Amino acid sequence: MNEKFFALPKEKQQRILNAGYRVFGANSYKKSPVSEIAAEAGISKSLLFHYFRNKKGLYLYLWKHAAAVTVQFLTESGCYEPTDLFEMMRLGMQAKLRIMALYPDLAAFTIRAYYERDPEIEPEIQKSYLAALAQKSAGALARVNPADFRPGLDLQMMYREMYWASEGYLWEKIRSNTLDVGQLETDFSRLLAFWKSIYCRNAAEEGGTHENHY
């Protein structure tokens, strides 16, 4: 990574990054033409390699940048402050919507990168992903009160199930080219309400109370 990239105007940096996210997000690593990224960014291929050395360097920088941007926006949104898991997730969704406004193809890139099996990059991507997921899960669950959930519930498994469902939803929308920000917010709000109804202790008690009336 050439430090001269950071000397570029922010607008030009963002244009280069967005070009990378779009091309890599739409193709496998091997089939992503770097020349297309350079052309879309408005620079030469040689200059792109001057900044990132090679294709692998660019790809891994985009991955690390996506992670850093996500943490930044989640922090700014207050996502790490609540003790209510579903409020954390709601704030996280809002942060990701703001990310999409700046980097429209970042989500497509990160999901495709997770499924990428090219041996040149897969080991580093998977190692980084698993470490980040474990840290995120541990941080979120450390702040919640287990008494808020149904007795005997495996909170770690619950968190992973919700995470996988969210990622699966995004992947399906991206693959079908039907990702709409407004619809995403609506659908995710419905998912949160559904998860609360099946995992939270209060929802279970209220459901049992209603059942006793019949």
N, C-alpha and C. Protein backbone atom coordinates (compact mmCIF):
# COMPACT_ATOMS: atom_id res chain seq x y z
N MET A 1 0.85 -1.19 0.00
CA MET A 1 0.00 0.00 0.00
C MET A 1 0.88 1.24 0.00
N ASN A 2 0.69 2.11 -1.00
CA ASN A 2 1.47 3.33 -1.11
C ASN A 2 0.77 4.46 -0.35
N GLU A 3 1.48 5.09 0.57
CA GLU A 3 0.90 6.14 1.39
C GLU A 3 0.44 7.34 0.56
N LYS A 4 0.89 7.43 -0.68
CA LYS A 4 0.48 8.55 -1.53
C LYS A 4 -1.02 8.51 -1.83
N PHE A 5 -1.61 7.32 -1.68
CA PHE A 5 -3.06 7.22 -1.88
C PHE A 5 -3.80 8.11 -0.90
N PHE A 6 -3.29 8.17 0.34
CA PHE A 6 -3.97 8.96 1.38
C PHE A 6 -3.76 10.45 1.20
N ALA A 7 -2.82 10.81 0.32
CA ALA A 7 -2.60 12.24 0.03
C ALA A 7 -3.59 12.75 -1.01
N LEU A 8 -4.28 11.83 -1.66
CA LEU A 8 -5.28 12.23 -2.66
C LEU A 8 -6.46 12.92 -1.99
N PRO A 9 -7.17 13.77 -2.70
CA PRO A 9 -8.40 14.35 -2.15
C PRO A 9 -9.38 13.24 -1.77
N LYS A 10 -10.14 13.46 -0.72
CA LYS A 10 -11.08 12.44 -0.23
C LYS A 10 -12.04 11.99 -1.33
N GLU A 11 -12.46 12.91 -2.14
CA GLU A 11 -13.41 12.58 -3.21
C GLU A 11 -12.79 11.59 -4.19
N LYS A 12 -11.50 11.80 -4.52
CA LYS A 12 -10.84 10.89 -5.45
C LYS A 12 -10.59 9.53 -4.82
N GLN A 13 -10.24 9.51 -3.53
CA GLN A 13 -10.08 8.25 -2.82
C GLN A 13 -11.39 7.45 -2.86
N GLN A 14 -12.49 8.15 -2.58
CA GLN A 14 -13.78 7.48 -2.55
C GLN A 14 -14.16 6.94 -3.92
N ARG A 15 -13.82 7.68 -4.98
CA ARG A 15 -14.13 7.23 -6.33
C ARG A 15 -13.37 5.95 -6.66
N ILE A 16 -12.11 5.88 -6.25
CA ILE A 16 -11.30 4.69 -6.50
C ILE A 16 -11.85 3.50 -5.71
N LEU A 17 -12.17 3.74 -4.44
CA LEU A 17 -12.70 2.67 -3.61
C LEU A 17 -14.04 2.16 -4.12
N ASN A 18 -14.90 3.09 -4.50
CA ASN A 18 -16.22 2.67 -4.99
C ASN A 18 -16.11 1.88 -6.30
N ALA A 19 -15.14 2.25 -7.14
CA ALA A 19 -14.93 1.49 -8.37
C ALA A 19 -14.49 0.07 -8.04
N GLY A 20 -13.61 -0.05 -7.05
CA GLY A 20 -13.16 -1.38 -6.63
C GLY A 20 -14.28 -2.19 -6.03
N TYR A 21 -15.08 -1.57 -5.17
CA TYR A 21 -16.20 -2.29 -4.56
C TYR A 21 -17.20 -2.77 -5.61
N ARG A 22 -17.46 -1.94 -6.61
CA ARG A 22 -18.45 -2.32 -7.61
C ARG A 22 -17.96 -3.48 -8.47
N VAL A 23 -16.74 -3.38 -8.97
CA VAL A 23 -16.23 -4.42 -9.87
C VAL A 23 -15.99 -5.74 -9.13
N PHE A 24 -15.34 -5.67 -7.97
CA PHE A 24 -15.10 -6.90 -7.21
C PHE A 24 -16.40 -7.45 -6.64
N GLY A 25 -17.36 -6.56 -6.36
CA GLY A 25 -18.63 -7.01 -5.83
C GLY A 25 -19.51 -7.68 -6.86
N ALA A 26 -19.22 -7.45 -8.13
CA ALA A 26 -20.04 -8.02 -9.21
C ALA A 26 -19.42 -9.25 -9.84
N ASN A 27 -18.15 -9.53 -9.52
CA ASN A 27 -17.43 -10.64 -10.16
C ASN A 27 -16.60 -11.40 -9.13
N SER A 28 -16.18 -12.59 -9.51
CA SER A 28 -15.22 -13.31 -8.68
C SER A 28 -13.89 -12.56 -8.72
N TYR A 29 -13.02 -12.88 -7.78
CA TYR A 29 -11.72 -12.22 -7.72
C TYR A 29 -10.96 -12.38 -9.04
N LYS A 30 -10.92 -13.61 -9.54
CA LYS A 30 -10.14 -13.89 -10.74
C LYS A 30 -10.72 -13.18 -11.98
N LYS A 31 -12.04 -13.05 -12.02
CA LYS A 31 -12.70 -12.48 -13.20
C LYS A 31 -12.96 -10.98 -13.09
N SER A 32 -12.42 -10.35 -12.06
CA SER A 32 -12.58 -8.91 -11.92
C SER A 32 -11.45 -8.18 -12.64
N PRO A 33 -11.74 -7.45 -13.71
CA PRO A 33 -10.68 -6.76 -14.46
C PRO A 33 -10.24 -5.48 -13.76
N VAL A 34 -8.98 -5.43 -13.42
CA VAL A 34 -8.44 -4.23 -12.77
C VAL A 34 -8.51 -3.03 -13.70
N SER A 35 -8.40 -3.28 -15.00
CA SER A 35 -8.50 -2.18 -15.96
C SER A 35 -9.86 -1.50 -15.89
N GLU A 36 -10.90 -2.26 -15.59
CA GLU A 36 -12.24 -1.69 -15.46
C GLU A 36 -12.34 -0.82 -14.21
N ILE A 37 -11.70 -1.27 -13.15
CA ILE A 37 -11.68 -0.47 -11.91
C ILE A 37 -10.98 0.85 -12.16
N ALA A 38 -9.82 0.80 -12.82
CA ALA A 38 -9.05 2.01 -13.11
C ALA A 38 -9.85 2.96 -14.00
N ALA A 39 -10.48 2.43 -15.03
CA ALA A 39 -11.25 3.27 -15.95
C ALA A 39 -12.41 3.94 -15.24
N GLU A 40 -13.10 3.19 -14.38
CA GLU A 40 -14.24 3.74 -13.65
C GLU A 40 -13.78 4.78 -12.63
N ALA A 41 -12.58 4.58 -12.10
CA ALA A 41 -12.05 5.53 -11.12
C ALA A 41 -11.45 6.76 -11.79
N GLY A 42 -11.26 6.70 -13.10
CA GLY A 42 -10.70 7.84 -13.82
C GLY A 42 -9.20 7.96 -13.73
N ILE A 43 -8.53 6.81 -13.53
CA ILE A 43 -7.07 6.83 -13.46
C ILE A 43 -6.54 5.68 -14.34
N SER A 44 -5.23 5.67 -14.56
CA SER A 44 -4.64 4.60 -15.36
C SER A 44 -4.43 3.35 -14.49
N LYS A 45 -4.33 2.22 -15.15
CA LYS A 45 -4.08 0.96 -14.44
C LYS A 45 -2.73 1.02 -13.72
N SER A 46 -1.74 1.62 -14.37
CA SER A 46 -0.41 1.70 -13.77
C SER A 46 -0.44 2.56 -12.50
N LEU A 47 -1.25 3.62 -12.51
CA LEU A 47 -1.34 4.47 -11.33
C LEU A 47 -2.07 3.74 -10.20
N LEU A 48 -3.08 2.96 -10.57
CA LEU A 48 -3.78 2.17 -9.56
C LEU A 48 -2.82 1.20 -8.88
N PHE A 49 -1.96 0.57 -9.68
CA PHE A 49 -0.98 -0.35 -9.10
C PHE A 49 0.12 0.41 -8.35
N HIS A 50 0.32 1.67 -8.71
CA HIS A 50 1.27 2.49 -7.96
C HIS A 50 0.77 2.69 -6.53
N TYR A 51 -0.55 2.82 -6.40
CA TYR A 51 -1.13 3.01 -5.07
C TYR A 51 -1.25 1.70 -4.28
N PHE A 52 -1.60 0.62 -4.97
CA PHE A 52 -1.93 -0.62 -4.27
C PHE A 52 -1.02 -1.80 -4.62
N ARG A 53 -0.02 -1.58 -5.41
CA ARG A 53 0.99 -2.56 -5.77
C ARG A 53 0.50 -3.61 -6.76
N ASN A 54 -0.60 -4.31 -6.43
CA ASN A 54 -1.13 -5.34 -7.33
C ASN A 54 -2.60 -5.58 -7.01
N LYS A 55 -3.18 -6.49 -7.74
CA LYS A 55 -4.61 -6.79 -7.58
C LYS A 55 -4.93 -7.29 -6.17
N LYS A 56 -4.10 -8.17 -5.66
CA LYS A 56 -4.32 -8.69 -4.31
C LYS A 56 -4.24 -7.58 -3.28
N GLY A 57 -3.28 -6.69 -3.44
CA GLY A 57 -3.14 -5.57 -2.51
C GLY A 57 -4.37 -4.69 -2.49
N LEU A 58 -4.92 -4.42 -3.66
CA LEU A 58 -6.13 -3.61 -3.75
C LEU A 58 -7.30 -4.32 -3.09
N TYR A 59 -7.45 -5.60 -3.37
CA TYR A 59 -8.58 -6.38 -2.83
C TYR A 59 -8.54 -6.40 -1.30
N LEU A 60 -7.38 -6.71 -0.75
CA LEU A 60 -7.27 -6.81 0.70
C LEU A 60 -7.41 -5.44 1.36
N TYR A 61 -6.96 -4.39 0.67
CA TYR A 61 -7.16 -3.06 1.25
C TYR A 61 -8.65 -2.73 1.29
N LEU A 62 -9.38 -3.07 0.23
CA LEU A 62 -10.83 -2.82 0.22
C LEU A 62 -11.51 -3.57 1.36
N TRP A 63 -11.08 -4.80 1.61
CA TRP A 63 -11.66 -5.59 2.69
C TRP A 63 -11.40 -4.92 4.05
N LYS A 64 -10.16 -4.49 4.27
CA LYS A 64 -9.82 -3.85 5.54
C LYS A 64 -10.51 -2.50 5.69
N HIS A 65 -10.62 -1.79 4.58
CA HIS A 65 -11.30 -0.50 4.60
C HIS A 65 -12.78 -0.68 4.94
N ALA A 66 -13.41 -1.70 4.36
CA ALA A 66 -14.82 -1.97 4.64
C ALA A 66 -15.02 -2.26 6.12
N ALA A 67 -14.12 -3.03 6.72
CA ALA A 67 -14.22 -3.34 8.15
C ALA A 67 -14.04 -2.08 8.99
N ALA A 68 -13.06 -1.25 8.63
CA ALA A 68 -12.79 -0.03 9.40
C ALA A 68 -13.96 0.95 9.30
N VAL A 69 -14.51 1.10 8.10
CA VAL A 69 -15.65 2.00 7.91
C VAL A 69 -16.85 1.52 8.70
N THR A 70 -17.08 0.22 8.69
CA THR A 70 -18.22 -0.34 9.43
C THR A 70 -18.08 -0.06 10.92
N VAL A 71 -16.91 -0.31 11.49
CA VAL A 71 -16.69 -0.04 12.92
C VAL A 71 -16.87 1.45 13.22
N GLN A 72 -16.35 2.30 12.34
CA GLN A 72 -16.48 3.74 12.53
C GLN A 72 -17.94 4.18 12.59
N PHE A 73 -18.73 3.72 11.64
CA PHE A 73 -20.14 4.13 11.57
C PHE A 73 -20.95 3.51 12.71
N LEU A 74 -20.63 2.28 13.08
CA LEU A 74 -21.33 1.65 14.20
C LEU A 74 -21.03 2.40 15.50
N THR A 75 -19.79 2.82 15.66
CA THR A 75 -19.41 3.58 16.85
C THR A 75 -20.13 4.93 16.90
N GLU A 76 -20.11 5.61 15.77
CA GLU A 76 -20.76 6.93 15.71
C GLU A 76 -22.26 6.85 15.91
N SER A 77 -22.86 5.72 15.54
CA SER A 77 -24.30 5.56 15.69
C SER A 77 -24.71 5.23 17.12
N GLY A 78 -23.72 4.91 17.97
CA GLY A 78 -24.02 4.52 19.35
C GLY A 78 -24.39 3.06 19.47
N CYS A 79 -24.05 2.29 18.48
CA CYS A 79 -24.43 0.88 18.43
C CYS A 79 -23.84 0.08 19.59
N TYR A 80 -22.68 0.50 20.10
CA TYR A 80 -22.01 -0.26 21.14
C TYR A 80 -22.41 0.17 22.55
N GLU A 81 -23.40 1.04 22.67
CA GLU A 81 -23.78 1.57 23.98
C GLU A 81 -24.98 0.88 24.64
N PRO A 82 -26.04 0.53 23.90
CA PRO A 82 -27.23 -0.04 24.55
C PRO A 82 -26.96 -1.42 25.17
N THR A 83 -27.80 -1.80 26.13
CA THR A 83 -27.74 -3.13 26.70
C THR A 83 -28.86 -4.00 26.11
N ASP A 84 -29.70 -3.39 25.29
CA ASP A 84 -30.76 -4.11 24.59
C ASP A 84 -30.22 -4.58 23.24
N LEU A 85 -30.13 -5.90 23.05
CA LEU A 85 -29.53 -6.45 21.84
C LEU A 85 -30.24 -5.97 20.58
N PHE A 86 -31.57 -5.88 20.64
CA PHE A 86 -32.32 -5.52 19.44
C PHE A 86 -32.20 -4.03 19.13
N GLU A 87 -31.96 -3.22 20.15
CA GLU A 87 -31.68 -1.81 19.91
C GLU A 87 -30.30 -1.66 19.28
N MET A 88 -29.36 -2.47 19.73
CA MET A 88 -28.03 -2.47 19.09
C MET A 88 -28.17 -2.77 17.60
N MET A 89 -28.97 -3.79 17.29
CA MET A 89 -29.13 -4.21 15.91
C MET A 89 -29.85 -3.14 15.09
N ARG A 90 -30.82 -2.47 15.70
CA ARG A 90 -31.53 -1.40 14.99
C ARG A 90 -30.58 -0.26 14.65
N LEU A 91 -29.76 0.13 15.63
CA LEU A 91 -28.78 1.19 15.39
C LEU A 91 -27.75 0.74 14.36
N GLY A 92 -27.39 -0.54 14.42
CA GLY A 92 -26.44 -1.08 13.44
C GLY A 92 -26.99 -1.02 12.03
N MET A 93 -28.28 -1.33 11.89
CA MET A 93 -28.92 -1.25 10.57
C MET A 93 -28.88 0.18 10.04
N GLN A 94 -29.19 1.14 10.89
CA GLN A 94 -29.18 2.53 10.45
C GLN A 94 -27.78 2.97 10.04
N ALA A 95 -26.77 2.49 10.78
CA ALA A 95 -25.39 2.82 10.42
C ALA A 95 -25.03 2.24 9.06
N LYS A 96 -25.47 1.01 8.79
CA LYS A 96 -25.15 0.37 7.51
C LYS A 96 -25.87 1.05 6.35
N LEU A 97 -27.05 1.59 6.61
CA LEU A 97 -27.75 2.35 5.56
C LEU A 97 -26.97 3.61 5.21
N ARG A 98 -26.37 4.23 6.22
CA ARG A 98 -25.55 5.43 5.94
C ARG A 98 -24.28 5.06 5.19
N ILE A 99 -23.73 3.89 5.50
CA ILE A 99 -22.55 3.42 4.76
C ILE A 99 -22.90 3.22 3.29
N MET A 100 -24.08 2.65 3.04
CA MET A 100 -24.50 2.37 1.67
C MET A 100 -24.67 3.64 0.86
N ALA A 101 -24.97 4.75 1.52
CA ALA A 101 -25.11 6.02 0.82
C ALA A 101 -23.75 6.49 0.30
N LEU A 102 -22.68 6.19 1.04
CA LEU A 102 -21.33 6.60 0.63
C LEU A 102 -20.66 5.56 -0.27
N TYR A 103 -20.90 4.29 0.06
CA TYR A 103 -20.27 3.19 -0.67
C TYR A 103 -21.36 2.19 -1.06
N PRO A 104 -22.07 2.45 -2.15
CA PRO A 104 -23.23 1.65 -2.54
C PRO A 104 -22.95 0.16 -2.75
N ASP A 105 -21.72 -0.18 -3.14
CA ASP A 105 -21.42 -1.58 -3.45
C ASP A 105 -20.56 -2.26 -2.39
N LEU A 106 -20.38 -1.60 -1.25
CA LEU A 106 -19.55 -2.18 -0.20
C LEU A 106 -20.15 -3.48 0.32
N ALA A 107 -21.46 -3.51 0.53
CA ALA A 107 -22.11 -4.72 1.05
C ALA A 107 -21.96 -5.89 0.07
N ALA A 108 -22.15 -5.61 -1.22
CA ALA A 108 -22.00 -6.66 -2.22
C ALA A 108 -20.58 -7.20 -2.22
N PHE A 109 -19.61 -6.31 -2.08
CA PHE A 109 -18.21 -6.73 -2.06
C PHE A 109 -17.91 -7.62 -0.86
N THR A 110 -18.35 -7.19 0.33
CA THR A 110 -18.00 -7.95 1.54
C THR A 110 -18.64 -9.33 1.54
N ILE A 111 -19.87 -9.42 1.05
CA ILE A 111 -20.53 -10.73 1.01
C ILE A 111 -19.86 -11.64 -0.02
N ARG A 112 -19.55 -11.09 -1.19
CA ARG A 112 -18.87 -11.90 -2.20
C ARG A 112 -17.47 -12.29 -1.72
N ALA A 113 -16.80 -11.40 -1.02
CA ALA A 113 -15.47 -11.71 -0.50
C ALA A 113 -15.53 -12.88 0.48
N TYR A 114 -16.59 -12.92 1.28
CA TYR A 114 -16.74 -14.02 2.24
C TYR A 114 -16.84 -15.37 1.52
N TYR A 115 -17.53 -15.39 0.38
CA TYR A 115 -17.71 -16.63 -0.37
C TYR A 115 -16.58 -16.90 -1.37
N GLU A 116 -15.64 -15.99 -1.47
CA GLU A 116 -14.54 -16.13 -2.44
C GLU A 116 -13.65 -17.30 -2.04
N ARG A 117 -13.32 -18.14 -3.02
CA ARG A 117 -12.50 -19.32 -2.74
C ARG A 117 -11.16 -19.31 -3.48
N ASP A 118 -10.78 -18.19 -4.03
CA ASP A 118 -9.48 -18.12 -4.69
C ASP A 118 -8.39 -18.25 -3.62
N PRO A 119 -7.47 -19.21 -3.78
CA PRO A 119 -6.45 -19.46 -2.76
C PRO A 119 -5.52 -18.27 -2.51
N GLU A 120 -5.49 -17.33 -3.45
CA GLU A 120 -4.62 -16.17 -3.28
C GLU A 120 -5.09 -15.26 -2.15
N ILE A 121 -6.39 -15.24 -1.91
CA ILE A 121 -6.93 -14.31 -0.92
C ILE A 121 -7.80 -14.97 0.15
N GLU A 122 -8.32 -16.16 -0.13
CA GLU A 122 -9.26 -16.79 0.82
C GLU A 122 -8.73 -16.91 2.25
N PRO A 123 -7.51 -17.40 2.47
CA PRO A 123 -7.05 -17.58 3.86
C PRO A 123 -7.08 -16.28 4.67
N GLU A 124 -6.63 -15.19 4.08
CA GLU A 124 -6.60 -13.92 4.82
C GLU A 124 -8.00 -13.39 5.08
N ILE A 125 -8.88 -13.53 4.10
CA ILE A 125 -10.25 -13.06 4.25
C ILE A 125 -10.95 -13.84 5.36
N GLN A 126 -10.85 -15.16 5.34
CA GLN A 126 -11.54 -15.99 6.32
C GLN A 126 -11.00 -15.77 7.72
N LYS A 127 -9.71 -15.67 7.86
CA LYS A 127 -9.09 -15.44 9.17
C LYS A 127 -9.59 -14.12 9.76
N SER A 128 -9.59 -13.09 8.93
CA SER A 128 -10.04 -11.77 9.37
C SER A 128 -11.52 -11.79 9.71
N TYR A 129 -12.32 -12.45 8.87
CA TYR A 129 -13.77 -12.50 9.08
C TYR A 129 -14.13 -13.20 10.39
N LEU A 130 -13.54 -14.37 10.62
CA LEU A 130 -13.87 -15.14 11.82
C LEU A 130 -13.45 -14.41 13.09
N ALA A 131 -12.31 -13.72 13.04
CA ALA A 131 -11.86 -12.97 14.20
C ALA A 131 -12.81 -11.80 14.49
N ALA A 132 -13.24 -11.11 13.44
CA ALA A 132 -14.14 -9.97 13.61
C ALA A 132 -15.50 -10.42 14.10
N LEU A 133 -16.02 -11.54 13.58
CA LEU A 133 -17.32 -12.04 14.00
C LEU A 133 -17.30 -12.46 15.47
N ALA A 134 -16.24 -13.14 15.88
CA ALA A 134 -16.12 -13.57 17.27
C ALA A 134 -16.06 -12.37 18.21
N GLN A 135 -15.31 -11.36 17.82
CA GLN A 135 -15.17 -10.16 18.64
C GLN A 135 -16.50 -9.41 18.73
N LYS A 136 -17.19 -9.30 17.60
CA LYS A 136 -18.47 -8.60 17.56
C LYS A 136 -19.51 -9.32 18.40
N SER A 137 -19.57 -10.62 18.27
CA SER A 137 -20.53 -11.42 19.02
C SER A 137 -20.27 -11.33 20.52
N ALA A 138 -19.00 -11.48 20.90
CA ALA A 138 -18.65 -11.43 22.32
C ALA A 138 -18.95 -10.06 22.91
N GLY A 139 -18.66 -9.00 22.16
CA GLY A 139 -18.91 -7.65 22.64
C GLY A 139 -20.39 -7.38 22.84
N ALA A 140 -21.21 -7.82 21.89
CA ALA A 140 -22.65 -7.59 21.98
C ALA A 140 -23.27 -8.37 23.12
N LEU A 141 -22.93 -9.65 23.23
CA LEU A 141 -23.54 -10.50 24.24
C LEU A 141 -23.06 -10.18 25.65
N ALA A 142 -21.88 -9.57 25.76
CA ALA A 142 -21.36 -9.21 27.08
C ALA A 142 -22.19 -8.09 27.72
N ARG A 143 -22.90 -7.34 26.89
CA ARG A 143 -23.65 -6.19 27.42
C ARG A 143 -25.11 -6.50 27.70
N VAL A 144 -25.60 -7.65 27.26
CA VAL A 144 -27.02 -7.96 27.45
C VAL A 144 -27.24 -8.74 28.74
N ASN A 145 -28.47 -8.71 29.21
CA ASN A 145 -28.86 -9.44 30.41
C ASN A 145 -29.54 -10.75 30.00
N PRO A 146 -28.93 -11.89 30.29
CA PRO A 146 -29.52 -13.17 29.88
C PRO A 146 -30.95 -13.35 30.39
N ALA A 147 -31.28 -12.68 31.49
CA ALA A 147 -32.63 -12.80 32.07
C ALA A 147 -33.70 -12.19 31.17
N ASP A 148 -33.28 -11.39 30.20
CA ASP A 148 -34.25 -10.79 29.27
C ASP A 148 -34.74 -11.78 28.23
N PHE A 149 -34.06 -12.93 28.15
CA PHE A 149 -34.38 -13.90 27.10
C PHE A 149 -35.00 -15.17 27.70
N ARG A 150 -35.55 -15.98 26.84
CA ARG A 150 -36.19 -17.21 27.29
C ARG A 150 -35.20 -18.10 28.05
N PRO A 151 -35.64 -18.74 29.11
CA PRO A 151 -34.74 -19.60 29.90
C PRO A 151 -34.12 -20.70 29.04
N GLY A 152 -32.83 -20.92 29.25
CA GLY A 152 -32.13 -22.00 28.57
C GLY A 152 -31.72 -21.69 27.14
N LEU A 153 -31.98 -20.46 26.69
CA LEU A 153 -31.65 -20.10 25.31
C LEU A 153 -30.14 -19.98 25.13
N ASP A 154 -29.62 -20.55 24.07
CA ASP A 154 -28.20 -20.42 23.72
C ASP A 154 -28.03 -19.06 23.03
N LEU A 155 -27.57 -18.07 23.77
CA LEU A 155 -27.48 -16.71 23.23
C LEU A 155 -26.49 -16.61 22.09
N GLN A 156 -25.40 -17.36 22.19
CA GLN A 156 -24.40 -17.34 21.12
C GLN A 156 -25.00 -17.85 19.82
N MET A 157 -25.74 -18.94 19.90
CA MET A 157 -26.37 -19.50 18.71
C MET A 157 -27.46 -18.56 18.18
N MET A 158 -28.21 -17.96 19.09
CA MET A 158 -29.24 -17.00 18.68
C MET A 158 -28.63 -15.85 17.89
N TYR A 159 -27.53 -15.31 18.41
CA TYR A 159 -26.87 -14.18 17.75
C TYR A 159 -26.38 -14.58 16.36
N ARG A 160 -25.77 -15.76 16.28
CA ARG A 160 -25.27 -16.21 14.98
C ARG A 160 -26.41 -16.45 13.99
N GLU A 161 -27.52 -16.99 14.48
CA GLU A 161 -28.67 -17.24 13.60
C GLU A 161 -29.19 -15.93 13.03
N MET A 162 -29.29 -14.90 13.87
CA MET A 162 -29.77 -13.60 13.39
C MET A 162 -28.78 -12.98 12.42
N TYR A 163 -27.50 -13.15 12.73
CA TYR A 163 -26.47 -12.60 11.84
C TYR A 163 -26.50 -13.28 10.48
N TRP A 164 -26.60 -14.61 10.48
CA TRP A 164 -26.65 -15.35 9.22
C TRP A 164 -27.89 -15.00 8.41
N ALA A 165 -29.01 -14.86 9.10
CA ALA A 165 -30.25 -14.50 8.40
C ALA A 165 -30.13 -13.13 7.76
N SER A 166 -29.53 -12.19 8.46
CA SER A 166 -29.35 -10.84 7.92
C SER A 166 -28.44 -10.85 6.70
N GLU A 167 -27.33 -11.58 6.81
CA GLU A 167 -26.39 -11.66 5.68
C GLU A 167 -27.03 -12.39 4.49
N GLY A 168 -27.80 -13.43 4.79
CA GLY A 168 -28.48 -14.17 3.72
C GLY A 168 -29.49 -13.30 3.00
N TYR A 169 -30.20 -12.48 3.74
CA TYR A 169 -31.17 -11.56 3.14
C TYR A 169 -30.46 -10.59 2.18
N LEU A 170 -29.37 -10.00 2.67
CA LEU A 170 -28.62 -9.05 1.84
C LEU A 170 -28.09 -9.73 0.58
N TRP A 171 -27.53 -10.93 0.73
CA TRP A 171 -26.96 -11.65 -0.41
C TRP A 171 -28.03 -11.94 -1.46
N GLU A 172 -29.21 -12.36 -1.00
CA GLU A 172 -30.29 -12.66 -1.93
C GLU A 172 -30.72 -11.41 -2.69
N LYS A 173 -30.83 -10.29 -1.99
CA LYS A 173 -31.24 -9.04 -2.64
C LYS A 173 -30.18 -8.55 -3.62
N ILE A 174 -28.92 -8.69 -3.24
CA ILE A 174 -27.82 -8.26 -4.11
C ILE A 174 -27.76 -9.13 -5.37
N ARG A 175 -27.88 -10.44 -5.20
CA ARG A 175 -27.81 -11.35 -6.35
C ARG A 175 -28.97 -11.14 -7.32
N SER A 176 -30.13 -10.80 -6.79
CA SER A 176 -31.30 -10.59 -7.65
C SER A 176 -31.43 -9.14 -8.11
N ASN A 177 -30.46 -8.32 -7.69
CA ASN A 177 -30.45 -6.90 -8.06
C ASN A 177 -31.75 -6.19 -7.64
N THR A 178 -32.26 -6.55 -6.45
CA THR A 178 -33.49 -5.95 -5.94
C THR A 178 -33.27 -5.26 -4.60
N LEU A 179 -32.03 -4.87 -4.33
CA LEU A 179 -31.72 -4.22 -3.05
C LEU A 179 -32.22 -2.78 -3.07
N ASP A 180 -33.20 -2.52 -2.22
CA ASP A 180 -33.78 -1.19 -2.09
C ASP A 180 -33.65 -0.76 -0.63
N VAL A 181 -33.06 0.41 -0.40
CA VAL A 181 -32.77 0.85 0.97
C VAL A 181 -34.03 0.95 1.81
N GLY A 182 -35.09 1.52 1.25
CA GLY A 182 -36.34 1.65 1.99
C GLY A 182 -36.93 0.30 2.35
N GLN A 183 -36.92 -0.62 1.39
CA GLN A 183 -37.45 -1.96 1.65
C GLN A 183 -36.59 -2.71 2.65
N LEU A 184 -35.27 -2.50 2.56
CA LEU A 184 -34.36 -3.14 3.51
C LEU A 184 -34.69 -2.73 4.94
N GLU A 185 -34.91 -1.44 5.14
CA GLU A 185 -35.23 -0.94 6.48
C GLU A 185 -36.55 -1.53 6.99
N THR A 186 -37.55 -1.58 6.11
CA THR A 186 -38.84 -2.14 6.48
C THR A 186 -38.73 -3.62 6.83
N ASP A 187 -38.05 -4.38 5.97
CA ASP A 187 -37.93 -5.82 6.19
C ASP A 187 -37.13 -6.12 7.46
N PHE A 188 -36.07 -5.36 7.69
CA PHE A 188 -35.24 -5.62 8.87
C PHE A 188 -35.99 -5.28 10.15
N SER A 189 -36.80 -4.24 10.11
CA SER A 189 -37.61 -3.89 11.28
C SER A 189 -38.59 -5.02 11.60
N ARG A 190 -39.15 -5.62 10.56
CA ARG A 190 -40.06 -6.75 10.76
C ARG A 190 -39.31 -7.96 11.32
N LEU A 191 -38.09 -8.18 10.84
CA LEU A 191 -37.28 -9.28 11.36
C LEU A 191 -36.98 -9.07 12.85
N LEU A 192 -36.62 -7.85 13.23
CA LEU A 192 -36.34 -7.56 14.64
C LEU A 192 -37.55 -7.85 15.50
N ALA A 193 -38.72 -7.42 15.05
CA ALA A 193 -39.95 -7.66 15.80
C ALA A 193 -40.21 -9.16 15.93
N PHE A 194 -39.95 -9.90 14.86
CA PHE A 194 -40.15 -11.35 14.88
C PHE A 194 -39.19 -12.01 15.86
N TRP A 195 -37.92 -11.64 15.81
CA TRP A 195 -36.93 -12.23 16.71
C TRP A 195 -37.26 -11.93 18.17
N LYS A 196 -37.68 -10.71 18.44
CA LYS A 196 -38.06 -10.35 19.80
C LYS A 196 -39.22 -11.22 20.28
N SER A 197 -40.17 -11.50 19.39
CA SER A 197 -41.35 -12.27 19.78
C SER A 197 -41.02 -13.72 20.11
N ILE A 198 -39.95 -14.25 19.55
CA ILE A 198 -39.64 -15.67 19.81
C ILE A 198 -38.49 -15.87 20.80
N TYR A 199 -37.66 -14.85 21.01
CA TYR A 199 -36.50 -15.02 21.87
C TYR A 199 -36.61 -14.34 23.23
N CYS A 200 -37.40 -13.28 23.34
CA CYS A 200 -37.45 -12.51 24.58
C CYS A 200 -38.37 -13.14 25.62
N ARG A 201 -37.96 -13.07 26.86
CA ARG A 201 -38.75 -13.64 27.95
C ARG A 201 -40.10 -12.96 28.07
N ASN A 202 -40.15 -11.64 28.00
CA ASN A 202 -41.42 -10.92 28.13
C ASN A 202 -42.41 -11.33 27.06
N ALA A 203 -41.91 -11.52 25.83
CA ALA A 203 -42.80 -11.93 24.74
C ALA A 203 -43.36 -13.32 25.01
N ALA A 204 -42.51 -14.20 25.55
CA ALA A 204 -42.96 -15.55 25.85
C ALA A 204 -44.02 -15.54 26.95
N GLU A 205 -43.78 -14.71 28.00
CA GLU A 205 -44.74 -14.64 29.11
C GLU A 205 -46.06 -14.03 28.67
N GLU A 206 -45.97 -13.00 27.82
CA GLU A 206 -47.20 -12.38 27.32
C GLU A 206 -47.98 -13.34 26.46
N GLY A 207 -47.23 -14.13 25.65
CA GLY A 207 -47.90 -15.11 24.81
C GLY A 207 -48.60 -16.17 25.65
N GLY A 208 -47.91 -16.59 26.74
CA GLY A 208 -48.52 -17.57 27.62
C GLY A 208 -49.74 -17.02 28.32
N THR A 209 -49.67 -15.72 28.70
CA THR A 209 -50.80 -15.09 29.37
C THR A 209 -52.01 -15.05 28.46
N HIS A 210 -51.78 -14.69 27.20
CA HIS A 210 -52.88 -14.63 26.25
C HIS A 210 -53.49 -16.00 26.01
N GLU A 211 -52.61 -17.01 25.99
CA GLU A 211 -53.11 -18.36 25.72
C GLU A 211 -54.04 -18.83 26.85
N ASN A 212 -53.77 -18.35 28.07
CA ASN A 212 -54.60 -18.78 29.20
C ASN A 212 -56.00 -18.20 29.17
N HIS A 213 -56.20 -17.20 28.32
CA HIS A 213 -57.51 -16.58 28.23
C HIS A 213 -58.46 -17.39 27.36
N TYR A 214 -57.91 -18.36 26.64
CA TYR A 214 -58.76 -19.11 25.70
C TYR A 214 -59.08 -20.49 26.26
